[in-house]
């Protein structure tokens, strides 16, 4: 699914959601869309991102991060691993993530 985002020059760029590793709030409270080709920006709240992107396989793992479940390489001891980076999953979000991973992969996690 194409998704409009802003690049570093504040120009609108469309990217495919399958390319997204993670969406998070940075220290300046901007919504950052992290991809292999770099970071892009989305003018919204993390809650709105989850509401929009949840049906496309994204899941909010804590108050600042929404991840692309398709990009998850492993989930162990409360941490999720995507492209060599680990993200901590809030305790109250771990069961939900495990359920989604099981459904999406149709195997045991």
PDB file of N, CA and C in Angstrom:
ATOM      1  N   UNK A   1       0.846  -1.168   0.000  1.00  0.00           N
ATOM      2  CA  UNK A   1       0.000   0.000   0.000  1.00  0.00           C
ATOM      3  C   UNK A   1       0.898   1.239   0.000  1.00  0.00           C
ATOM      4  N   UNK A   2       0.663   2.165  -0.924  1.00  0.00           N
ATOM      5  CA  UNK A   2       1.443   3.397  -0.915  1.00  0.00           C
ATOM      6  C   UNK A   2       1.065   4.288   0.268  1.00  0.00           C
ATOM      7  N   UNK A   3       2.077   4.947   0.824  1.00  0.00           N
ATOM      8  CA  UNK A   3       1.845   5.822   1.975  1.00  0.00           C
ATOM      9  C   UNK A   3       2.615   7.117   1.748  1.00  0.00           C
ATOM     10  N   UNK A   4       1.933   8.273   1.836  1.00  0.00           N
ATOM     11  CA  UNK A   4       2.652   9.537   1.673  1.00  0.00           C
ATOM     12  C   UNK A   4       3.435   9.881   2.937  1.00  0.00           C
ATOM     13  N   UNK A   5       4.691  10.271   2.755  1.00  0.00           N
ATOM     14  CA  UNK A   5       5.555  10.707   3.853  1.00  0.00           C
ATOM     15  C   UNK A   5       6.344  11.920   3.365  1.00  0.00           C
ATOM     16  N   UNK A   6       7.055  12.577   4.282  1.00  0.00           N
ATOM     17  CA  UNK A   6       7.897  13.714   3.932  1.00  0.00           C
ATOM     18  C   UNK A   6       9.358  13.314   4.043  1.00  0.00           C
ATOM     19  N   UNK A   7      10.179  13.780   3.087  1.00  0.00           N
ATOM     20  CA  UNK A   7      11.613  13.525   3.187  1.00  0.00           C
ATOM     21  C   UNK A   7      12.285  14.658   3.966  1.00  0.00           C
ATOM     22  N   UNK A   8      13.625  14.652   4.031  1.00  0.00           N
ATOM     23  CA  UNK A   8      14.374  15.663   4.788  1.00  0.00           C
ATOM     24  C   UNK A   8      14.133  17.086   4.287  1.00  0.00           C
ATOM     25  N   UNK A   9      13.789  17.209   3.005  1.00  0.00           N
ATOM     26  CA  UNK A   9      13.559  18.525   2.399  1.00  0.00           C
ATOM     27  C   UNK A   9      12.100  18.950   2.468  1.00  0.00           C
ATOM     28  N   UNK A  10      11.314  18.216   3.241  1.00  0.00           N
ATOM     29  CA  UNK A  10       9.888  18.495   3.412  1.00  0.00           C
ATOM     30  C   UNK A  10       9.095  18.306   2.124  1.00  0.00           C
ATOM     31  N   UNK A  11       9.589  17.440   1.237  1.00  0.00           N
ATOM     32  CA  UNK A  11       8.877  17.112   0.011  1.00  0.00           C
ATOM     33  C   UNK A  11       8.126  15.808   0.220  1.00  0.00           C
ATOM     34  N   UNK A  12       6.919  15.730  -0.337  1.00  0.00           N
ATOM     35  CA  UNK A  12       6.100  14.530  -0.193  1.00  0.00           C
ATOM     36  C   UNK A  12       6.649  13.433  -1.094  1.00  0.00           C
ATOM     37  N   UNK A  13       6.821  12.256  -0.507  1.00  0.00           N
ATOM     38  CA  UNK A  13       7.308  11.074  -1.210  1.00  0.00           C
ATOM     39  C   UNK A  13       6.336   9.945  -0.905  1.00  0.00           C
ATOM     40  N   UNK A  14       5.980   9.135  -1.915  1.00  0.00           N
ATOM     41  CA  UNK A  14       5.147   7.962  -1.649  1.00  0.00           C
ATOM     42  C   UNK A  14       6.048   6.749  -1.542  1.00  0.00           C
ATOM     43  N   UNK A  15       5.817   5.953  -0.501  1.00  0.00           N
ATOM     44  CA  UNK A  15       6.589   4.727  -0.331  1.00  0.00           C
ATOM     45  C   UNK A  15       5.629   3.570  -0.094  1.00  0.00           C
ATOM     46  N   UNK A  16       6.090   2.385  -0.400  1.00  0.00           N
ATOM     47  CA  UNK A  16       5.298   1.187  -0.161  1.00  0.00           C
ATOM     48  C   UNK A  16       5.440   0.802   1.306  1.00  0.00           C
ATOM     49  N   UNK A  17       4.340   0.466   1.955  1.00  0.00           N
ATOM     50  CA  UNK A  17       4.386   0.130   3.380  1.00  0.00           C
ATOM     51  C   UNK A  17       5.258  -1.096   3.657  1.00  0.00           C
ATOM     52  N   UNK A  18       5.458  -1.967   2.675  1.00  0.00           N
ATOM     53  CA  UNK A  18       6.316  -3.143   2.883  1.00  0.00           C
ATOM     54  C   UNK A  18       7.774  -2.757   3.115  1.00  0.00           C
ATOM     55  N   UNK A  19       8.165  -1.541   2.724  1.00  0.00           N
ATOM     56  CA  UNK A  19       9.542  -1.079   2.897  1.00  0.00           C
ATOM     57  C   UNK A  19       9.814  -0.536   4.298  1.00  0.00           C
ATOM     58  N   UNK A  20       8.764  -0.331   5.097  1.00  0.00           N
ATOM     59  CA  UNK A  20       8.910   0.313   6.398  1.00  0.00           C
ATOM     60  C   UNK A  20       9.360  -0.695   7.452  1.00  0.00           C
ATOM     61  N   UNK A  21      10.407  -0.329   8.208  1.00  0.00           N
ATOM     62  CA  UNK A  21      10.865  -1.138   9.338  1.00  0.00           C
ATOM     63  C   UNK A  21      10.109  -0.765  10.603  1.00  0.00           C
ATOM     64  N   UNK A  22      10.013   0.527  10.889  1.00  0.00           N
ATOM     65  CA  UNK A  22       9.451   0.983  12.153  1.00  0.00           C
ATOM     66  C   UNK A  22       8.964   2.423  11.999  1.00  0.00           C
ATOM     67  N   UNK A  23       7.939   2.780  12.787  1.00  0.00           N
ATOM     68  CA  UNK A  23       7.459   4.154  12.873  1.00  0.00           C
ATOM     69  C   UNK A  23       7.548   4.533  14.340  1.00  0.00           C
ATOM     70  N   UNK A  24       8.185   5.660  14.651  1.00  0.00           N
ATOM     71  CA  UNK A  24       8.359   6.029  16.056  1.00  0.00           C
ATOM     72  C   UNK A  24       8.375   7.540  16.242  1.00  0.00           C
ATOM     73  N   UNK A  25       8.206   7.952  17.485  1.00  0.00           N
ATOM     74  CA  UNK A  25       8.307   9.353  17.867  1.00  0.00           C
ATOM     75  C   UNK A  25       9.744   9.624  18.291  1.00  0.00           C
ATOM     76  N   UNK A  26      10.390  10.628  17.707  1.00  0.00           N
ATOM     77  CA  UNK A  26      11.760  10.937  18.113  1.00  0.00           C
ATOM     78  C   UNK A  26      11.766  11.911  19.288  1.00  0.00           C
ATOM     79  N   UNK A  27      12.970  12.330  19.691  1.00  0.00           N
ATOM     80  CA  UNK A  27      13.096  13.193  20.871  1.00  0.00           C
ATOM     81  C   UNK A  27      12.438  14.557  20.679  1.00  0.00           C
ATOM     82  N   UNK A  28      12.214  14.973  19.424  1.00  0.00           N
ATOM     83  CA  UNK A  28      11.516  16.237  19.164  1.00  0.00           C
ATOM     84  C   UNK A  28      10.027  16.013  18.936  1.00  0.00           C
ATOM     85  N   UNK A  29       9.579  14.783  19.164  1.00  0.00           N
ATOM     86  CA  UNK A  29       8.178  14.369  19.058  1.00  0.00           C
ATOM     87  C   UNK A  29       7.669  14.313  17.615  1.00  0.00           C
ATOM     88  N   UNK A  30       8.600  14.268  16.641  1.00  0.00           N
ATOM     89  CA  UNK A  30       8.197  14.053  15.248  1.00  0.00           C
ATOM     90  C   UNK A  30       7.947  12.569  15.042  1.00  0.00           C
ATOM     91  N   UNK A  31       7.036  12.243  14.145  1.00  0.00           N
ATOM     92  CA  UNK A  31       6.802  10.852  13.779  1.00  0.00           C
ATOM     93  C   UNK A  31       7.790  10.508  12.663  1.00  0.00           C
ATOM     94  N   UNK A  32       8.679   9.544  12.929  1.00  0.00           N
ATOM     95  CA  UNK A  32       9.722   9.138  11.990  1.00  0.00           C
ATOM     96  C   UNK A  32       9.353   7.785  11.396  1.00  0.00           C
ATOM     97  N   UNK A  33       9.447   7.681  10.069  1.00  0.00           N
ATOM     98  CA  UNK A  33       9.208   6.432   9.349  1.00  0.00           C
ATOM     99  C   UNK A  33      10.581   5.922   8.937  1.00  0.00           C
ATOM    100  N   UNK A  34      11.002   4.789   9.525  1.00  0.00           N
ATOM    101  CA  UNK A  34      12.354   4.261   9.310  1.00  0.00           C
ATOM    102  C   UNK A  34      12.323   3.177   8.239  1.00  0.00           C
ATOM    103  N   UNK A  35      13.172   3.333   7.208  1.00  0.00           N
ATOM    104  CA  UNK A  35      13.279   2.362   6.126  1.00  0.00           C
ATOM    105  C   UNK A  35      14.749   2.063   5.869  1.00  0.00           C
ATOM    106  N   UNK A  36      15.005   1.089   5.022  1.00  0.00           N
ATOM    107  CA  UNK A  36      16.388   0.775   4.660  1.00  0.00           C
ATOM    108  C   UNK A  36      17.051   1.960   3.957  1.00  0.00           C
ATOM    109  N   UNK A  37      16.273   2.714   3.189  1.00  0.00           N
ATOM    110  CA  UNK A  37      16.840   3.839   2.434  1.00  0.00           C
ATOM    111  C   UNK A  37      16.954   5.128   3.243  1.00  0.00           C
ATOM    112  N   UNK A  38      16.489   5.128   4.487  1.00  0.00           N
ATOM    113  CA  UNK A  38      16.608   6.313   5.326  1.00  0.00           C
ATOM    114  C   UNK A  38      15.355   6.599   6.125  1.00  0.00           C
ATOM    115  N   UNK A  39      15.335   7.755   6.760  1.00  0.00           N
ATOM    116  CA  UNK A  39      14.200   8.154   7.584  1.00  0.00           C
ATOM    117  C   UNK A  39      13.341   9.178   6.856  1.00  0.00           C
ATOM    118  N   UNK A  40      12.038   9.050   7.044  1.00  0.00           N
ATOM    119  CA  UNK A  40      11.055   9.969   6.495  1.00  0.00           C
ATOM    120  C   UNK A  40      10.164  10.407   7.645  1.00  0.00           C
ATOM    121  N   UNK A  41       9.294  11.386   7.396  1.00  0.00           N
ATOM    122  CA  UNK A  41       8.507  11.956   8.490  1.00  0.00           C
ATOM    123  C   UNK A  41       7.028  11.962   8.144  1.00  0.00           C
ATOM    124  N   UNK A  42       6.212  11.795   9.176  1.00  0.00           N
ATOM    125  CA  UNK A  42       4.768  11.696   9.010  1.00  0.00           C
ATOM    126  C   UNK A  42       4.100  12.612  10.027  1.00  0.00           C
ATOM    127  N   UNK A  43       3.290  13.560   9.587  1.00  0.00           N
ATOM    128  CA  UNK A  43       2.673  14.512  10.521  1.00  0.00           C
ATOM    129  C   UNK A  43       1.427  13.942  11.178  1.00  0.00           C
ATOM    130  N   UNK A  44       1.596  13.242  12.280  1.00  0.00           N
ATOM    131  CA  UNK A  44       0.478  12.595  12.944  1.00  0.00           C
ATOM    132  C   UNK A  44       0.904  12.180  14.346  1.00  0.00           C
ATOM    133  N   UNK A  45      -0.050  11.661  15.111  1.00  0.00           N
ATOM    134  CA  UNK A  45       0.304  11.079  16.408  1.00  0.00           C
ATOM    135  C   UNK A  45       0.540   9.588  16.222  1.00  0.00           C
ATOM    136  N   UNK A  46       1.248   8.993  17.145  1.00  0.00           N
ATOM    137  CA  UNK A  46       1.521   7.560  17.065  1.00  0.00           C
ATOM    138  C   UNK A  46       0.213   6.762  17.143  1.00  0.00           C
ATOM    139  N   UNK A  47      -0.750   7.268  17.891  1.00  0.00           N
ATOM    140  CA  UNK A  47      -2.045   6.602  18.001  1.00  0.00           C
ATOM    141  C   UNK A  47      -2.782   6.611  16.660  1.00  0.00           C
ATOM    142  N   UNK A  48      -2.699   7.727  15.931  1.00  0.00           N
ATOM    143  CA  UNK A  48      -3.330   7.800  14.615  1.00  0.00           C
ATOM    144  C   UNK A  48      -2.627   6.878  13.625  1.00  0.00           C
ATOM    145  N   UNK A  49      -1.305   6.801  13.742  1.00  0.00           N
ATOM    146  CA  UNK A  49      -0.550   5.871  12.888  1.00  0.00           C
ATOM    147  C   UNK A  49      -1.047   4.448  13.107  1.00  0.00           C
ATOM    148  N   UNK A  50      -1.165   4.028  14.366  1.00  0.00           N
ATOM    149  CA  UNK A  50      -1.624   2.674  14.671  1.00  0.00           C
ATOM    150  C   UNK A  50      -3.036   2.456  14.141  1.00  0.00           C
ATOM    151  N   UNK A  51      -3.907   3.446  14.301  1.00  0.00           N
ATOM    152  CA  UNK A  51      -5.288   3.314  13.830  1.00  0.00           C
ATOM    153  C   UNK A  51      -5.335   3.115  12.316  1.00  0.00           C
ATOM    154  N   UNK A  52      -4.479   3.820  11.600  1.00  0.00           N
ATOM    155  CA  UNK A  52      -4.454   3.716  10.139  1.00  0.00           C
ATOM    156  C   UNK A  52      -3.723   2.453   9.695  1.00  0.00           C
ATOM    157  N   UNK A  53      -2.569   2.178  10.289  1.00  0.00           N
ATOM    158  CA  UNK A  53      -1.679   1.132   9.797  1.00  0.00           C
ATOM    159  C   UNK A  53      -1.948  -0.250  10.376  1.00  0.00           C
ATOM    160  N   UNK A  54      -2.733  -0.345  11.444  1.00  0.00           N
ATOM    161  CA  UNK A  54      -3.009  -1.636  12.070  1.00  0.00           C
ATOM    162  C   UNK A  54      -3.542  -2.670  11.100  1.00  0.00           C
ATOM    163  N   UNK A  55      -4.408  -2.243  10.194  1.00  0.00           N
ATOM    164  CA  UNK A  55      -4.996  -3.200   9.247  1.00  0.00           C
ATOM    165  C   UNK A  55      -4.015  -3.630   8.156  1.00  0.00           C
ATOM    166  N   UNK A  56      -2.840  -3.006   8.113  1.00  0.00           N
ATOM    167  CA  UNK A  56      -1.818  -3.364   7.128  1.00  0.00           C
ATOM    168  C   UNK A  56      -0.659  -4.134   7.751  1.00  0.00           C
ATOM    169  N   UNK A  57      -0.863  -4.672   8.944  1.00  0.00           N
ATOM    170  CA  UNK A  57       0.159  -5.506   9.562  1.00  0.00           C
ATOM    171  C   UNK A  57       1.129  -4.777  10.469  1.00  0.00           C
ATOM    172  N   UNK A  58       0.758  -3.597  10.934  1.00  0.00           N
ATOM    173  CA  UNK A  58       1.593  -2.848  11.867  1.00  0.00           C
ATOM    174  C   UNK A  58       1.018  -2.993  13.270  1.00  0.00           C
ATOM    175  N   UNK A  59       1.883  -2.883  14.286  1.00  0.00           N
ATOM    176  CA  UNK A  59       1.451  -3.080  15.670  1.00  0.00           C
ATOM    177  C   UNK A  59       2.215  -2.129  16.586  1.00  0.00           C
ATOM    178  N   UNK A  60       1.495  -1.487  17.493  1.00  0.00           N
ATOM    179  CA  UNK A  60       2.112  -0.566  18.449  1.00  0.00           C
ATOM    180  C   UNK A  60       2.702  -1.372  19.599  1.00  0.00           C
ATOM    181  N   UNK A  61       4.048  -1.306  19.758  1.00  0.00           N
ATOM    182  CA  UNK A  61       4.720  -2.111  20.786  1.00  0.00           C
ATOM    183  C   UNK A  61       4.958  -1.348  22.082  1.00  0.00           C
ATOM    184  N   UNK A  62       4.871  -0.028  22.041  1.00  0.00           N
ATOM    185  CA  UNK A  62       4.952   0.798  23.246  1.00  0.00           C
ATOM    186  C   UNK A  62       4.365   2.163  22.905  1.00  0.00           C
ATOM    187  N   UNK A  63       4.512   3.133  23.792  1.00  0.00           N
ATOM    188  CA  UNK A  63       3.849   4.417  23.539  1.00  0.00           C
ATOM    189  C   UNK A  63       4.484   5.219  22.410  1.00  0.00           C
ATOM    190  N   UNK A  64       5.673   4.829  21.960  1.00  0.00           N
ATOM    191  CA  UNK A  64       6.369   5.587  20.921  1.00  0.00           C
ATOM    192  C   UNK A  64       6.669   4.835  19.633  1.00  0.00           C
ATOM    193  N   UNK A  65       6.425   3.527  19.579  1.00  0.00           N
ATOM    194  CA  UNK A  65       6.833   2.736  18.422  1.00  0.00           C
ATOM    195  C   UNK A  65       5.685   1.891  17.862  1.00  0.00           C
ATOM    196  N   UNK A  66       5.542   1.946  16.536  1.00  0.00           N
ATOM    197  CA  UNK A  66       4.656   1.058  15.782  1.00  0.00           C
ATOM    198  C   UNK A  66       5.562   0.335  14.797  1.00  0.00           C
ATOM    199  N   UNK A  67       5.519  -0.996  14.796  1.00  0.00           N
ATOM    200  CA  UNK A  67       6.417  -1.766  13.927  1.00  0.00           C
ATOM    201  C   UNK A  67       5.643  -2.463  12.813  1.00  0.00           C
ATOM    202  N   UNK A  68       6.361  -2.779  11.745  1.00  0.00           N
ATOM    203  CA  UNK A  68       5.827  -3.575  10.653  1.00  0.00           C
ATOM    204  C   UNK A  68       6.067  -5.039  11.018  1.00  0.00           C
ATOM    205  N   UNK A  69       5.014  -5.757  11.317  1.00  0.00           N
ATOM    206  CA  UNK A  69       5.137  -7.151  11.767  1.00  0.00           C
ATOM    207  C   UNK A  69       5.809  -8.008  10.695  1.00  0.00           C
ATOM    208  N   UNK A  70       5.630  -7.665   9.418  1.00  0.00           N
ATOM    209  CA  UNK A  70       6.266  -8.426   8.332  1.00  0.00           C
ATOM    210  C   UNK A  70       7.791  -8.349   8.400  1.00  0.00           C
ATOM    211  N   UNK A  71       8.328  -7.317   9.028  1.00  0.00           N
ATOM    212  CA  UNK A  71       9.774  -7.120   9.093  1.00  0.00           C
ATOM    213  C   UNK A  71      10.419  -7.756  10.327  1.00  0.00           C
ATOM    214  N   UNK A  72       9.615  -8.311  11.228  1.00  0.00           N
ATOM    215  CA  UNK A  72      10.140  -8.888  12.472  1.00  0.00           C
ATOM    216  C   UNK A  72      10.932 -10.152  12.155  1.00  0.00           C
ATOM    217  N   UNK A  73      12.180 -10.172  12.597  1.00  0.00           N
ATOM    218  CA  UNK A  73      13.035 -11.354  12.410  1.00  0.00           C
ATOM    219  C   UNK A  73      12.933 -12.297  13.604  1.00  0.00           C
ATOM    220  N   UNK A  74      12.772 -11.740  14.811  1.00  0.00           N
ATOM    221  CA  UNK A  74      12.666 -12.560  16.025  1.00  0.00           C
ATOM    222  C   UNK A  74      11.990 -11.747  17.124  1.00  0.00           C
ATOM    223  N   UNK A  75      11.382 -12.478  18.058  1.00  0.00           N
ATOM    224  CA  UNK A  75      10.769 -11.864  19.239  1.00  0.00           C
ATOM    225  C   UNK A  75      11.127 -12.740  20.426  1.00  0.00           C
ATOM    226  N   UNK A  76      12.006 -12.222  21.293  1.00  0.00           N
ATOM    227  CA  UNK A  76      12.483 -13.001  22.434  1.00  0.00           C
ATOM    228  C   UNK A  76      12.580 -12.127  23.667  1.00  0.00           C
ATOM    229  N   UNK A  77      12.122 -12.652  24.780  1.00  0.00           N
ATOM    230  CA  UNK A  77      12.252 -12.000  26.093  1.00  0.00           C
ATOM    231  C   UNK A  77      11.868 -10.521  26.077  1.00  0.00           C
ATOM    232  N   UNK A  78      10.747 -10.226  25.471  1.00  0.00           N
ATOM    233  CA  UNK A  78      10.250  -8.858  25.477  1.00  0.00           C
ATOM    234  C   UNK A  78      10.930  -7.915  24.499  1.00  0.00           C
ATOM    235  N   UNK A  79      11.724  -8.462  23.579  1.00  0.00           N
ATOM    236  CA  UNK A  79      12.381  -7.640  22.568  1.00  0.00           C
ATOM    237  C   UNK A  79      12.037  -8.168  21.185  1.00  0.00           C
ATOM    238  N   UNK A  80      11.853  -7.242  20.255  1.00  0.00           N
ATOM    239  CA  UNK A  80      11.601  -7.611  18.872  1.00  0.00           C
ATOM    240  C   UNK A  80      12.818  -7.158  18.058  1.00  0.00           C
ATOM    241  N   UNK A  81      13.224  -7.973  17.081  1.00  0.00           N
ATOM    242  CA  UNK A  81      14.410  -7.695  16.277  1.00  0.00           C
ATOM    243  C   UNK A  81      14.005  -7.461  14.826  1.00  0.00           C
ATOM    244  N   UNK A  82      14.409  -6.294  14.295  1.00  0.00           N
ATOM    245  CA  UNK A  82      14.101  -5.909  12.921  1.00  0.00           C
ATOM    246  C   UNK A  82      15.365  -5.333  12.305  1.00  0.00           C
ATOM    247  N   UNK A  83      15.840  -5.943  11.240  1.00  0.00           N
ATOM    248  CA  UNK A  83      16.997  -5.438  10.495  1.00  0.00           C
ATOM    249  C   UNK A  83      18.185  -5.135  11.406  1.00  0.00           C
ATOM    250  N   UNK A  84      18.478  -6.035  12.327  1.00  0.00           N
ATOM    251  CA  UNK A  84      19.628  -5.880  13.207  1.00  0.00           C
ATOM    252  C   UNK A  84      19.431  -4.935  14.382  1.00  0.00           C
ATOM    253  N   UNK A  85      18.255  -4.357  14.505  1.00  0.00           N
ATOM    254  CA  UNK A  85      17.955  -3.431  15.600  1.00  0.00           C
ATOM    255  C   UNK A  85      16.948  -4.097  16.525  1.00  0.00           C
ATOM    256  N   UNK A  86      17.102  -3.900  17.838  1.00  0.00           N
ATOM    257  CA  UNK A  86      16.124  -4.472  18.761  1.00  0.00           C
ATOM    258  C   UNK A  86      15.306  -3.359  19.391  1.00  0.00           C
ATOM    259  N   UNK A  87      14.031  -3.653  19.593  1.00  0.00           N
ATOM    260  CA  UNK A  87      13.094  -2.724  20.220  1.00  0.00           C
ATOM    261  C   UNK A  87      12.455  -3.446  21.394  1.00  0.00           C
ATOM    262  N   UNK A  88      12.332  -2.769  22.515  1.00  0.00           N
ATOM    263  CA  UNK A  88      11.657  -3.353  23.668  1.00  0.00           C
ATOM    264  C   UNK A  88      10.148  -3.253  23.467  1.00  0.00           C
ATOM    265  N   UNK A  89       9.458  -4.312  23.842  1.00  0.00           N
ATOM    266  CA  UNK A  89       8.001  -4.357  23.725  1.00  0.00           C
ATOM    267  C   UNK A  89       7.426  -4.192  25.125  1.00  0.00           C
ATOM    268  N   UNK A  90       6.522  -3.247  25.301  1.00  0.00           N
ATOM    269  CA  UNK A  90       5.892  -3.021  26.601  1.00  0.00           C
ATOM    270  C   UNK A  90       5.220  -4.308  27.067  1.00  0.00           C
ATOM    271  N   UNK A  91       5.292  -4.574  28.354  1.00  0.00           N
ATOM    272  CA  UNK A  91       4.737  -5.813  28.915  1.00  0.00           C
ATOM    273  C   UNK A  91       3.278  -6.000  28.512  1.00  0.00           C
ATOM    274  N   UNK A  92       2.499  -4.941  28.544  1.00  0.00           N
ATOM    275  CA  UNK A  92       1.074  -5.076  28.215  1.00  0.00           C
ATOM    276  C   UNK A  92       0.819  -5.278  26.724  1.00  0.00           C
ATOM    277  N   UNK A  93       1.845  -5.128  25.885  1.00  0.00           N
ATOM    278  CA  UNK A  93       1.692  -5.304  24.433  1.00  0.00           C
ATOM    279  C   UNK A  93       2.273  -6.632  23.933  1.00  0.00           C
ATOM    280  N   UNK A  94       2.982  -7.370  24.798  1.00  0.00           N
ATOM    281  CA  UNK A  94       3.676  -8.577  24.355  1.00  0.00           C
ATOM    282  C   UNK A  94       2.735  -9.683  23.897  1.00  0.00           C
ATOM    283  N   UNK A  95       1.675  -9.940  24.637  1.00  0.00           N
ATOM    284  CA  UNK A  95       0.742 -11.003  24.253  1.00  0.00           C
ATOM    285  C   UNK A  95       0.092 -10.685  22.913  1.00  0.00           C
ATOM    286  N   UNK A  96      -0.315  -9.442  22.725  1.00  0.00           N
ATOM    287  CA  UNK A  96      -0.922  -9.039  21.456  1.00  0.00           C
ATOM    288  C   UNK A  96       0.024  -9.232  20.285  1.00  0.00           C
ATOM    289  N   UNK A  97       1.299  -8.883  20.482  1.00  0.00           N
ATOM    290  CA  UNK A  97       2.282  -9.068  19.421  1.00  0.00           C
ATOM    291  C   UNK A  97       2.488 -10.548  19.125  1.00  0.00           C
ATOM    292  N   UNK A  98       2.586 -11.370  20.163  1.00  0.00           N
ATOM    293  CA  UNK A  98       2.751 -12.814  19.948  1.00  0.00           C
ATOM    294  C   UNK A  98       1.570 -13.378  19.172  1.00  0.00           C
ATOM    295  N   UNK A  99       0.359 -12.945  19.500  1.00  0.00           N
ATOM    296  CA  UNK A  99      -0.833 -13.416  18.786  1.00  0.00           C
ATOM    297  C   UNK A  99      -0.772 -13.035  17.307  1.00  0.00           C
ATOM    298  N   UNK A 100      -0.387 -11.804  17.027  1.00  0.00           N
ATOM    299  CA  UNK A 100      -0.297 -11.345  15.637  1.00  0.00           C
ATOM    300  C   UNK A 100       0.794 -12.106  14.888  1.00  0.00           C
ATOM    301  N   UNK A 101       1.943 -12.313  15.524  1.00  0.00           N
ATOM    302  CA  UNK A 101       3.022 -13.063  14.875  1.00  0.00           C
ATOM    303  C   UNK A 101       2.589 -14.491  14.574  1.00  0.00           C
ATOM    304  N   UNK A 102       1.899 -15.108  15.495  1.00  0.00           N
ATOM    305  CA  UNK A 102       1.416 -16.482  15.258  1.00  0.00           C
ATOM    306  C   UNK A 102       0.455 -16.522  14.076  1.00  0.00           C
ATOM    307  N   UNK A 103      -0.480 -15.581  14.052  1.00  0.00           N
ATOM    308  CA  UNK A 103      -1.456 -15.548  12.954  1.00  0.00           C
ATOM    309  C   UNK A 103      -0.775 -15.246  11.621  1.00  0.00           C
ATOM    310  N   UNK A 104       0.169 -14.318  11.616  1.00  0.00           N
ATOM    311  CA  UNK A 104       0.792 -13.915  10.354  1.00  0.00           C
ATOM    312  C   UNK A 104       1.734 -14.981   9.807  1.00  0.00           C
ATOM    313  N   UNK A 105       2.330 -15.734  10.683  1.00  0.00           N
ATOM    314  CA  UNK A 105       3.286 -16.759  10.238  1.00  0.00           C
ATOM    315  C   UNK A 105       2.706 -18.156  10.292  1.00  0.00           C
ATOM    316  N   UNK A 106       1.568 -18.272  10.967  1.00  0.00           N
ATOM    317  CA  UNK A 106       0.876 -19.547  11.097  1.00  0.00           C
ATOM    318  C   UNK A 106       1.797 -20.633  11.649  1.00  0.00           C
ATOM    319  N   UNK A 107       2.721 -20.221  12.555  1.00  0.00           N
ATOM    320  CA  UNK A 107       3.618 -21.150  13.238  1.00  0.00           C
ATOM    321  C   UNK A 107       3.738 -20.717  14.683  1.00  0.00           C
ATOM    322  N   UNK A 108       4.416 -21.511  15.480  1.00  0.00           N
ATOM    323  CA  UNK A 108       4.641 -21.137  16.879  1.00  0.00           C
ATOM    324  C   UNK A 108       5.767 -20.132  16.982  1.00  0.00           C
ATOM    325  N   UNK A 109       5.586 -19.156  17.871  1.00  0.00           N
ATOM    326  CA  UNK A 109       6.617 -18.141  18.115  1.00  0.00           C
ATOM    327  C   UNK A 109       7.229 -18.414  19.457  1.00  0.00           C
TER     328      UNK A 109
END
